[in-house]
Amino acid sequence: MSSNSTWDIVLPAQLRQEALQHVSRIAASALEQASALGSANYWCEVALLHAYLHLAFPDLGYDVSAVACLNNAGEGLRPSGKHGLHGGLSGIAWTFEHVAPLVTPGHGGLDVTEDPIEDLDRIILEQLNEDITLNQFDLVSGLVGKGVYLTERLPRSSARNGVEKVIEKLRKSVYEDATGAAWYTAPQFLHDTQRQLYPLGYYDLGVAHGVPGVIFFLSQMFNLGVRQDVTGDLLLKARQWLKNREATNSGHYRYGARYIPGMPTSAARLGWCYGDLGVGAVLSFAAQLSGSEDDYHHSISVVDGTLSWTDSLEKIRDAGLCHGAFGAAHIYNRLFQRGKQDRYKQAAIKWYEHGLSLREEGIGDTGFFAWRDDLPPYRHRDISFLSGEIGIALTLLASMTSISPRWDRLLLLSSKPCAN
């Protein structure tokens, strides 16, 4: 389970200038879009991009624009909204905590108090006191996402208190049987179309909304020495449960999108949110955190299986992080940086090239789009981090500079090193 601390440039030299032009174009366009939308979440996502541009190009004023974005986010904040990590209050708070030290050491340029998110902290912690049936468990909208934010706040005592609350809620909401332990996605937490298809809910097998995200969070807490009696026990059982959900005769994939007892496992394409690439990568990083050699090698075998998938199986139609070409590229790049194994570098380059080829001039300001199967004309402008242009720009930046993309903690592809 070797790990290399340096971050190498992987994008071929002939593509770097083109990539830089796209990144610069997205950065300028995203500022305009955030101003038009006035959303605190969008302002924070633009701040995240401009902060990493500042790290890469410190003399171009991106620190000033990042600070301005955070101040605008603070002015437009609506604490009564969603509390999730992606698109909610926890994500806003995470961005303040992560970005402010990158652009203004000591928060000197921010129009806020010494701790700009103390009030947000209190709201999120209070929400963790609610009845367990009101809490989703997942990364995007639920407990794991709140845990990612609170981990970013460690070693503060409030954050330690918060992650322990998350662990306790996960302990109380776990379902156990002879095959291990898992967390069930109840129907009230599904979108309308999903609820119509699955009126009783299901076990989610993806990173974004499912059990792999819980495993990563528990591994991180175990690594930090937080409630090891609980996290160690849940980890052992959850890993075993997930291994028992592997498809045995699918022909190519190991992990489908969801599991319903008595029904065939549903297929999942290549992506971060669902499927073997995202699941295998996240589980491999989780195994590093918890120190499990067997789980590490098992998860790497899942990832390596994707290297031989054909284009017809991958079905990637857009470029975003969640389930697009640059999401695949970034995962392979992150895997390459860990052990400098060439097979991952070559896979990353392949997907960076494919992502760049997907642009269609005339769609929005940048030519990048998000594909929607259910909404003609299918190609739509999306500036967001998870599925749109901001995430695209961040991963392109990570491919052509030596700046480690610590922002991918939001995707469970890296972990904040901190004392417990």
Protein backbone atom coordinates (compact mmCIF):
# COMPACT_ATOMS: atom_id res chain seq x y z
CA MET A 1 0.00 0.00 0.00
CA SER A 2 2.72 2.44 -1.00
CA SER A 3 2.03 6.16 -1.24
CA ASN A 4 4.05 8.86 -3.00
CA SER A 5 3.82 12.39 -1.64
CA THR A 6 4.72 14.17 -4.90
CA TRP A 7 2.14 15.14 -7.51
CA ASP A 8 3.31 14.62 -11.10
CA ILE A 9 2.01 16.33 -14.23
CA VAL A 10 0.29 13.70 -16.39
CA LEU A 11 -1.33 15.65 -19.22
CA PRO A 12 0.77 15.45 -22.41
CA ALA A 13 2.60 18.69 -23.22
CA GLN A 14 0.73 19.18 -26.50
CA LEU A 15 -2.61 19.36 -24.62
CA ARG A 16 -1.62 21.61 -21.71
CA GLN A 17 -2.09 24.94 -23.48
CA GLU A 18 -5.52 23.90 -24.72
CA ALA A 19 -6.45 22.72 -21.23
CA LEU A 20 -5.24 25.96 -19.64
CA GLN A 21 -7.36 27.99 -22.05
CA HIS A 22 -10.43 25.97 -21.07
CA VAL A 23 -9.67 26.37 -17.35
CA SER A 24 -9.24 30.14 -17.69
CA ARG A 25 -12.42 30.41 -19.72
CA ILE A 26 -14.39 28.39 -17.15
CA ALA A 27 -12.99 30.46 -14.27
CA ALA A 28 -14.17 33.73 -15.87
CA SER A 29 -17.52 32.35 -16.98
CA ALA A 30 -18.23 30.75 -13.60
CA LEU A 31 -17.80 34.12 -11.88
CA GLU A 32 -20.43 35.63 -14.17
CA GLN A 33 -22.80 32.71 -13.65
CA ALA A 34 -22.45 32.78 -9.86
CA SER A 35 -23.17 36.51 -9.87
CA ALA A 36 -26.30 35.94 -11.94
CA LEU A 37 -27.53 33.07 -9.79
CA GLY A 38 -26.64 34.56 -6.41
CA SER A 39 -26.42 31.13 -4.80
CA ALA A 40 -24.13 30.64 -1.80
CA ASN A 41 -23.35 27.12 -3.02
CA TYR A 42 -22.24 28.32 -6.45
CA TRP A 43 -20.20 31.15 -4.97
CA CYS A 44 -18.39 28.59 -2.82
CA GLU A 45 -17.70 26.28 -5.74
CA VAL A 46 -16.27 29.18 -7.75
CA ALA A 47 -14.17 30.13 -4.71
CA LEU A 48 -12.78 26.60 -4.62
CA LEU A 49 -11.71 26.80 -8.27
CA HIS A 50 -10.15 30.25 -7.89
CA ALA A 51 -8.28 29.16 -4.75
CA TYR A 52 -6.58 26.31 -6.63
CA LEU A 53 -5.87 28.62 -9.55
CA HIS A 54 -4.16 30.90 -7.02
CA LEU A 55 -1.99 28.00 -5.83
CA ALA A 56 -0.99 27.26 -9.41
CA PHE A 57 -0.64 30.88 -10.58
CA PRO A 58 -0.07 32.99 -7.44
CA ASP A 59 0.51 36.32 -9.21
CA LEU A 60 -2.71 36.53 -11.23
CA GLY A 61 -5.09 37.76 -8.53
CA TYR A 62 -7.10 34.58 -8.10
CA ASP A 63 -6.75 34.88 -4.32
CA VAL A 64 -8.61 38.19 -4.47
CA SER A 65 -11.45 36.70 -6.52
CA ALA A 66 -11.63 33.64 -4.24
CA VAL A 67 -12.00 35.85 -1.16
CA ALA A 68 -14.66 37.93 -2.93
CA CYS A 69 -16.57 34.72 -3.75
CA LEU A 70 -16.51 33.62 -0.11
CA ASN A 71 -17.75 37.02 1.02
CA ASN A 72 -20.55 36.86 -1.55
CA ALA A 73 -21.44 33.37 -0.36
CA GLY A 74 -21.66 34.64 3.20
CA GLU A 75 -24.01 37.42 2.16
CA GLY A 76 -26.25 35.04 0.21
CA LEU A 77 -26.32 32.29 2.84
CA ARG A 78 -29.69 30.80 3.78
CA PRO A 79 -29.14 28.53 6.83
CA SER A 80 -32.65 27.12 6.58
CA GLY A 81 -31.89 25.27 3.32
CA LYS A 82 -30.47 21.83 2.65
CA HIS A 83 -27.71 20.63 4.95
CA GLY A 84 -25.87 18.20 2.62
CA LEU A 85 -22.24 18.26 1.53
CA HIS A 86 -23.03 18.63 -2.17
CA GLY A 87 -25.50 21.45 -2.70
CA GLY A 88 -26.13 22.20 0.97
CA LEU A 89 -24.95 23.88 4.14
CA SER A 90 -22.22 21.34 4.95
CA GLY A 91 -20.64 21.95 1.55
CA ILE A 92 -20.66 25.71 2.07
CA ALA A 93 -19.06 25.32 5.49
CA TRP A 94 -16.49 22.83 4.15
CA THR A 95 -15.47 25.30 1.45
CA PHE A 96 -14.96 28.14 3.92
CA GLU A 97 -12.84 25.88 6.11
CA HIS A 98 -10.80 24.53 3.20
CA VAL A 99 -10.39 27.62 1.02
CA ALA A 100 -9.79 30.45 3.49
CA PRO A 101 -6.32 29.25 4.60
CA LEU A 102 -5.28 28.72 0.95
CA VAL A 103 -5.91 32.30 -0.09
CA THR A 104 -5.78 34.40 3.09
CA PRO A 105 -3.62 32.94 5.86
CA GLY A 106 -5.26 33.89 9.12
CA HIS A 107 -8.43 34.82 7.16
CA GLY A 108 -7.01 38.33 6.75
CA GLY A 109 -8.97 39.19 3.61
CA LEU A 110 -12.35 37.88 4.66
CA ASP A 111 -15.13 40.13 5.87
CA VAL A 112 -15.95 37.75 8.75
CA THR A 113 -15.11 37.04 12.36
CA GLU A 114 -12.12 34.92 13.39
CA ASP A 115 -14.10 31.73 12.87
CA PRO A 116 -16.34 32.49 9.87
CA ILE A 117 -18.42 29.31 10.13
CA GLU A 118 -19.01 29.01 13.86
CA ASP A 119 -22.73 29.60 13.37
CA LEU A 120 -22.88 27.06 10.54
CA ASP A 121 -21.09 24.59 12.78
CA ARG A 122 -23.75 25.05 15.44
CA ILE A 123 -26.59 24.52 12.94
CA ILE A 124 -25.04 21.33 11.55
CA LEU A 125 -24.33 19.93 15.01
CA GLU A 126 -27.88 20.70 16.14
CA GLN A 127 -29.23 18.91 13.09
CA LEU A 128 -27.27 15.81 14.16
CA ASN A 129 -29.40 15.76 17.32
CA GLU A 130 -32.59 15.18 15.35
CA ASP A 131 -34.39 11.86 15.31
CA ILE A 132 -32.42 9.26 13.36
CA THR A 133 -35.28 8.63 10.93
CA LEU A 134 -34.84 12.17 9.62
CA ASN A 135 -31.22 11.57 8.63
CA GLN A 136 -29.97 10.21 5.35
CA PHE A 137 -26.70 8.34 5.73
CA ASP A 138 -25.00 9.09 2.41
CA LEU A 139 -22.12 11.29 1.24
CA VAL A 140 -24.01 13.71 -1.01
CA SER A 141 -26.88 14.64 1.30
CA GLY A 142 -26.49 12.83 4.59
CA LEU A 143 -24.43 11.76 7.57
CA VAL A 144 -21.25 10.83 5.71
CA GLY A 145 -21.22 14.23 4.02
CA LYS A 146 -21.54 15.96 7.38
CA GLY A 147 -18.72 13.74 8.61
CA VAL A 148 -16.50 14.91 5.74
CA TYR A 149 -17.15 18.53 6.70
CA LEU A 150 -16.53 17.90 10.40
CA THR A 151 -13.32 16.02 9.59
CA GLU A 152 -12.11 19.12 7.77
CA ARG A 153 -12.69 21.00 11.05
CA LEU A 154 -10.64 18.64 13.23
CA PRO A 155 -9.00 18.88 15.74
CA ARG A 156 -11.55 21.38 17.09
CA SER A 157 -13.52 19.95 20.00
CA SER A 158 -16.83 20.76 18.28
CA ALA A 159 -15.72 18.75 15.24
CA ARG A 160 -14.65 15.82 17.42
CA ASN A 161 -18.05 15.94 19.10
CA GLY A 162 -19.70 16.05 15.69
CA VAL A 163 -17.92 13.09 14.13
CA GLU A 164 -18.69 11.04 17.22
CA LYS A 165 -22.38 11.91 16.76
CA VAL A 166 -22.17 10.81 13.12
CA ILE A 167 -20.58 7.51 14.16
CA GLU A 168 -23.26 6.93 16.78
CA LYS A 169 -26.06 7.60 14.28
CA LEU A 170 -24.44 5.21 11.80
CA ARG A 171 -24.23 2.60 14.56
CA LYS A 172 -27.90 3.00 15.42
CA SER A 173 -29.09 2.90 11.80
CA VAL A 174 -27.09 -0.12 10.61
CA TYR A 175 -28.82 -3.26 9.34
CA GLU A 176 -27.05 -6.51 10.21
CA ASP A 177 -27.51 -10.04 8.94
CA ALA A 178 -25.41 -13.16 8.44
CA THR A 179 -23.54 -11.53 5.52
CA GLY A 180 -22.41 -8.42 7.39
CA ALA A 181 -23.73 -4.91 8.02
CA ALA A 182 -25.04 -2.15 5.75
CA TRP A 183 -27.22 0.95 5.59
CA TYR A 184 -30.58 0.99 3.84
CA THR A 185 -31.83 3.80 1.63
CA ALA A 186 -35.43 4.36 2.71
CA PRO A 187 -37.99 5.40 0.05
CA GLN A 188 -38.50 8.87 1.55
CA PHE A 189 -34.90 9.69 0.61
CA LEU A 190 -35.33 8.77 -3.07
CA HIS A 191 -36.25 11.08 -5.94
CA ASP A 192 -39.81 10.72 -7.22
CA THR A 193 -38.87 8.62 -10.25
CA GLN A 194 -36.71 6.29 -8.16
CA ARG A 195 -39.42 5.95 -5.53
CA GLN A 196 -41.88 4.87 -8.21
CA LEU A 197 -39.47 2.17 -9.35
CA TYR A 198 -38.40 1.14 -5.84
CA PRO A 199 -41.30 1.91 -3.48
CA LEU A 200 -39.65 0.05 -0.60
CA GLY A 201 -36.18 1.52 -1.12
CA TYR A 202 -32.96 -0.45 -1.56
CA TYR A 203 -29.34 -0.89 -0.53
CA ASP A 204 -27.24 1.60 -2.50
CA LEU A 205 -23.85 0.29 -3.71
CA GLY A 206 -22.41 3.55 -5.06
CA VAL A 207 -19.94 6.03 -3.61
CA ALA A 208 -22.22 9.06 -3.85
CA HIS A 209 -25.23 7.64 -2.01
CA GLY A 210 -24.26 4.25 -0.70
CA VAL A 211 -22.33 1.92 1.57
CA PRO A 212 -18.81 2.55 0.13
CA GLY A 213 -18.98 6.15 1.37
CA VAL A 214 -19.74 4.94 4.89
CA ILE A 215 -16.79 2.54 4.74
CA PHE A 216 -14.44 5.38 3.79
CA PHE A 217 -15.67 7.62 6.61
CA LEU A 218 -15.40 4.84 9.19
CA SER A 219 -11.88 4.03 7.94
CA GLN A 220 -10.87 7.65 8.33
CA MET A 221 -12.24 7.79 11.86
CA PHE A 222 -10.52 4.51 12.74
CA ASN A 223 -7.26 5.92 11.39
CA LEU A 224 -7.67 9.00 13.59
CA GLY A 225 -8.43 6.91 16.67
CA VAL A 226 -12.05 8.08 16.96
CA ARG A 227 -14.34 5.50 18.60
CA GLN A 228 -12.23 2.62 17.34
CA ASP A 229 -14.37 0.14 19.25
CA VAL A 230 -17.37 1.09 17.12
CA THR A 231 -15.66 2.05 13.85
CA GLY A 232 -13.52 -1.09 13.80
CA ASP A 233 -16.51 -3.38 14.32
CA LEU A 234 -18.70 -1.62 11.75
CA LEU A 235 -15.85 -1.57 9.23
CA LEU A 236 -15.26 -5.30 9.48
CA LYS A 237 -18.93 -6.10 8.99
CA ALA A 238 -19.57 -3.49 6.27
CA ARG A 239 -16.61 -4.59 4.17
CA GLN A 240 -17.78 -8.19 4.37
CA TRP A 241 -21.34 -7.23 3.45
CA LEU A 242 -20.16 -5.28 0.39
CA LYS A 243 -17.93 -8.14 -0.79
CA ASN A 244 -20.96 -10.41 -0.58
CA ARG A 245 -22.83 -8.07 -2.92
CA GLU A 246 -20.39 -8.54 -5.79
CA ALA A 247 -21.96 -9.72 -9.03
CA THR A 248 -20.73 -13.25 -9.78
CA ASN A 249 -21.90 -13.74 -13.37
CA SER A 250 -22.29 -10.25 -14.86
CA GLY A 251 -19.59 -10.78 -17.47
CA HIS A 252 -17.63 -7.64 -16.61
CA TYR A 253 -18.67 -5.55 -13.60
CA ARG A 254 -18.27 -6.43 -9.92
CA TYR A 255 -20.45 -3.78 -8.23
CA GLY A 256 -23.83 -2.73 -9.51
CA ALA A 257 -25.79 0.39 -8.62
CA ARG A 258 -28.10 -1.08 -6.00
CA TYR A 259 -29.04 -4.28 -4.23
CA ILE A 260 -32.53 -5.55 -3.42
CA PRO A 261 -32.71 -8.94 -1.70
CA GLY A 262 -33.98 -11.60 -4.06
CA MET A 263 -33.44 -9.54 -7.20
CA PRO A 264 -30.53 -9.44 -9.68
CA THR A 265 -27.90 -6.76 -9.04
CA SER A 266 -28.38 -3.77 -11.33
CA ALA A 267 -25.52 -2.83 -13.65
CA ALA A 268 -23.47 0.36 -13.27
CA ARG A 269 -21.28 2.13 -15.84
CA LEU A 270 -17.78 3.48 -15.37
CA GLY A 271 -17.85 6.50 -13.08
CA TRP A 272 -17.16 7.98 -9.67
CA CYS A 273 -20.72 7.94 -8.33
CA TYR A 274 -21.51 4.30 -9.16
CA GLY A 275 -19.65 1.30 -10.46
CA ASP A 276 -16.35 -0.48 -10.14
CA LEU A 277 -13.99 2.43 -10.79
CA GLY A 278 -15.34 4.76 -8.11
CA VAL A 279 -16.12 2.00 -5.63
CA GLY A 280 -12.78 0.25 -6.09
CA ALA A 281 -10.77 3.45 -5.83
CA VAL A 282 -12.58 4.75 -2.73
CA LEU A 283 -12.34 1.36 -1.03
CA SER A 284 -8.61 1.19 -1.80
CA PHE A 285 -8.04 4.55 -0.10
CA ALA A 286 -10.23 3.42 2.80
CA ALA A 287 -8.13 0.27 3.15
CA GLN A 288 -4.98 2.38 3.32
CA LEU A 289 -6.50 4.42 6.14
CA SER A 290 -7.56 1.39 8.15
CA GLY A 291 -4.41 -0.59 7.37
CA SER A 292 -6.15 -3.59 5.78
CA GLU A 293 -3.82 -5.22 3.22
CA ASP A 294 -6.39 -7.80 2.12
CA ASP A 295 -9.06 -5.17 1.47
CA TYR A 296 -6.56 -3.00 -0.35
CA HIS A 297 -5.57 -5.74 -2.79
CA HIS A 298 -9.20 -6.75 -3.28
CA SER A 299 -10.27 -3.18 -4.12
CA ILE A 300 -7.34 -2.71 -6.51
CA SER A 301 -8.43 -5.85 -8.36
CA VAL A 302 -11.84 -4.21 -8.80
CA VAL A 303 -10.22 -1.06 -10.24
CA ASP A 304 -7.89 -2.99 -12.51
CA GLY A 305 -10.82 -4.84 -14.02
CA THR A 306 -12.07 -1.53 -15.45
CA LEU A 307 -8.89 -1.02 -17.47
CA SER A 308 -10.09 -3.57 -20.02
CA TRP A 309 -13.67 -2.33 -20.30
CA THR A 310 -14.65 -1.45 -23.87
CA ASP A 311 -16.18 1.84 -25.00
CA SER A 312 -19.58 0.17 -25.36
CA LEU A 313 -19.56 -0.66 -21.66
CA GLU A 314 -18.36 2.70 -20.43
CA LYS A 315 -21.18 4.77 -21.97
CA ILE A 316 -19.65 8.08 -20.96
CA ARG A 317 -21.38 10.93 -22.78
CA ASP A 318 -20.19 14.04 -20.96
CA ALA A 319 -17.08 15.31 -19.20
CA GLY A 320 -18.07 16.02 -15.57
CA LEU A 321 -16.64 14.55 -12.38
CA CYS A 322 -19.65 12.58 -11.19
CA HIS A 323 -20.07 10.15 -14.08
CA GLY A 324 -18.16 11.76 -16.92
CA ALA A 325 -14.83 11.45 -18.70
CA PHE A 326 -12.89 13.78 -16.41
CA GLY A 327 -14.20 11.98 -13.36
CA ALA A 328 -12.70 8.75 -14.67
CA ALA A 329 -9.51 10.60 -15.63
CA HIS A 330 -9.13 12.11 -12.17
CA ILE A 331 -9.63 8.78 -10.39
CA TYR A 332 -6.98 7.10 -12.53
CA ASN A 333 -4.69 10.11 -12.01
CA ARG A 334 -5.18 9.92 -8.23
CA LEU A 335 -4.38 6.19 -8.34
CA PHE A 336 -1.28 6.88 -10.44
CA GLN A 337 -0.01 9.49 -8.01
CA ARG A 338 -0.17 6.98 -5.14
CA GLY A 339 2.18 4.39 -6.58
CA LYS A 340 3.37 5.87 -9.91
CA GLN A 341 2.11 2.81 -11.80
CA ASP A 342 2.05 3.52 -15.52
CA ARG A 343 -1.19 1.64 -16.24
CA TYR A 344 -3.13 4.27 -14.30
CA LYS A 345 -1.28 7.15 -15.94
CA GLN A 346 -2.12 5.86 -19.39
CA ALA A 347 -5.76 5.35 -18.44
CA ALA A 348 -5.91 8.90 -17.06
CA ILE A 349 -4.45 10.36 -20.26
CA LYS A 350 -6.96 8.41 -22.34
CA TRP A 351 -9.86 9.88 -20.41
CA TYR A 352 -8.46 13.42 -20.33
CA GLU A 353 -8.18 13.27 -24.09
CA HIS A 354 -11.71 11.91 -24.40
CA GLY A 355 -13.08 14.62 -22.10
CA LEU A 356 -11.49 17.34 -24.19
CA SER A 357 -12.93 15.79 -27.35
CA LEU A 358 -16.48 15.97 -25.96
CA ARG A 359 -16.66 19.77 -26.13
CA GLU A 360 -19.25 21.24 -28.48
CA GLU A 361 -18.71 24.91 -29.22
CA GLY A 362 -21.90 26.90 -28.82
CA ILE A 363 -23.12 25.17 -25.67
CA GLY A 364 -22.82 27.81 -22.97
CA ASP A 365 -19.64 29.84 -22.78
CA THR A 366 -17.19 26.96 -22.69
CA GLY A 367 -18.56 24.16 -24.88
CA PHE A 368 -18.69 21.65 -22.03
CA PHE A 369 -22.09 20.19 -21.20
CA ALA A 370 -23.86 17.79 -18.88
CA TRP A 371 -25.85 15.01 -20.50
CA ARG A 372 -29.42 14.39 -19.32
CA ASP A 373 -31.12 11.23 -20.61
CA ASP A 374 -34.52 12.44 -19.47
CA LEU A 375 -34.50 16.02 -20.73
CA PRO A 376 -34.17 16.85 -24.46
CA PRO A 377 -32.04 18.27 -26.03
CA TYR A 378 -29.96 16.18 -23.58
CA ARG A 379 -26.88 18.48 -23.61
CA HIS A 380 -27.20 21.20 -20.99
CA ARG A 381 -25.05 23.90 -19.46
CA ASP A 382 -23.90 22.98 -15.96
CA ILE A 383 -21.37 25.06 -14.00
CA SER A 384 -21.40 22.96 -10.83
CA PHE A 385 -18.53 21.13 -9.15
CA LEU A 386 -20.00 17.66 -9.22
CA SER A 387 -21.35 17.40 -12.75
CA GLY A 388 -20.27 20.55 -14.55
CA GLU A 389 -17.61 23.04 -15.52
CA ILE A 390 -16.07 23.84 -12.13
CA GLY A 391 -15.22 20.19 -11.53
CA ILE A 392 -13.90 19.93 -15.09
CA ALA A 393 -11.61 22.91 -14.56
CA LEU A 394 -10.31 21.59 -11.23
CA THR A 395 -9.42 18.19 -12.62
CA LEU A 396 -7.76 19.72 -15.69
CA LEU A 397 -5.73 21.88 -13.35
CA ALA A 398 -4.69 18.76 -11.43
CA SER A 399 -3.56 17.13 -14.67
CA MET A 400 -1.22 19.92 -15.78
CA THR A 401 0.28 21.30 -12.54
CA SER A 402 2.10 19.86 -9.56
CA ILE A 403 -0.53 21.15 -7.11
CA SER A 404 -2.06 18.28 -5.14
CA PRO A 405 -5.87 18.43 -5.55
CA ARG A 406 -6.90 18.27 -1.93
CA TRP A 407 -10.37 19.35 -3.02
CA ASP A 408 -11.08 15.72 -3.92
CA ARG A 409 -11.69 15.04 -0.24
CA LEU A 410 -15.21 15.97 -1.31
CA LEU A 411 -15.17 12.81 -3.44
CA LEU A 412 -13.53 10.57 -0.80
CA LEU A 413 -10.45 10.26 -3.01
CA SER A 414 -8.12 11.75 -0.38
CA SER A 415 -8.14 12.39 3.33
CA LYS A 416 -7.14 15.30 5.52
CA PRO A 417 -4.13 14.40 7.67
CA CYS A 418 -4.84 15.75 11.14
CA ALA A 419 -4.34 15.00 14.78
CA ASN A 420 -7.26 13.49 16.63
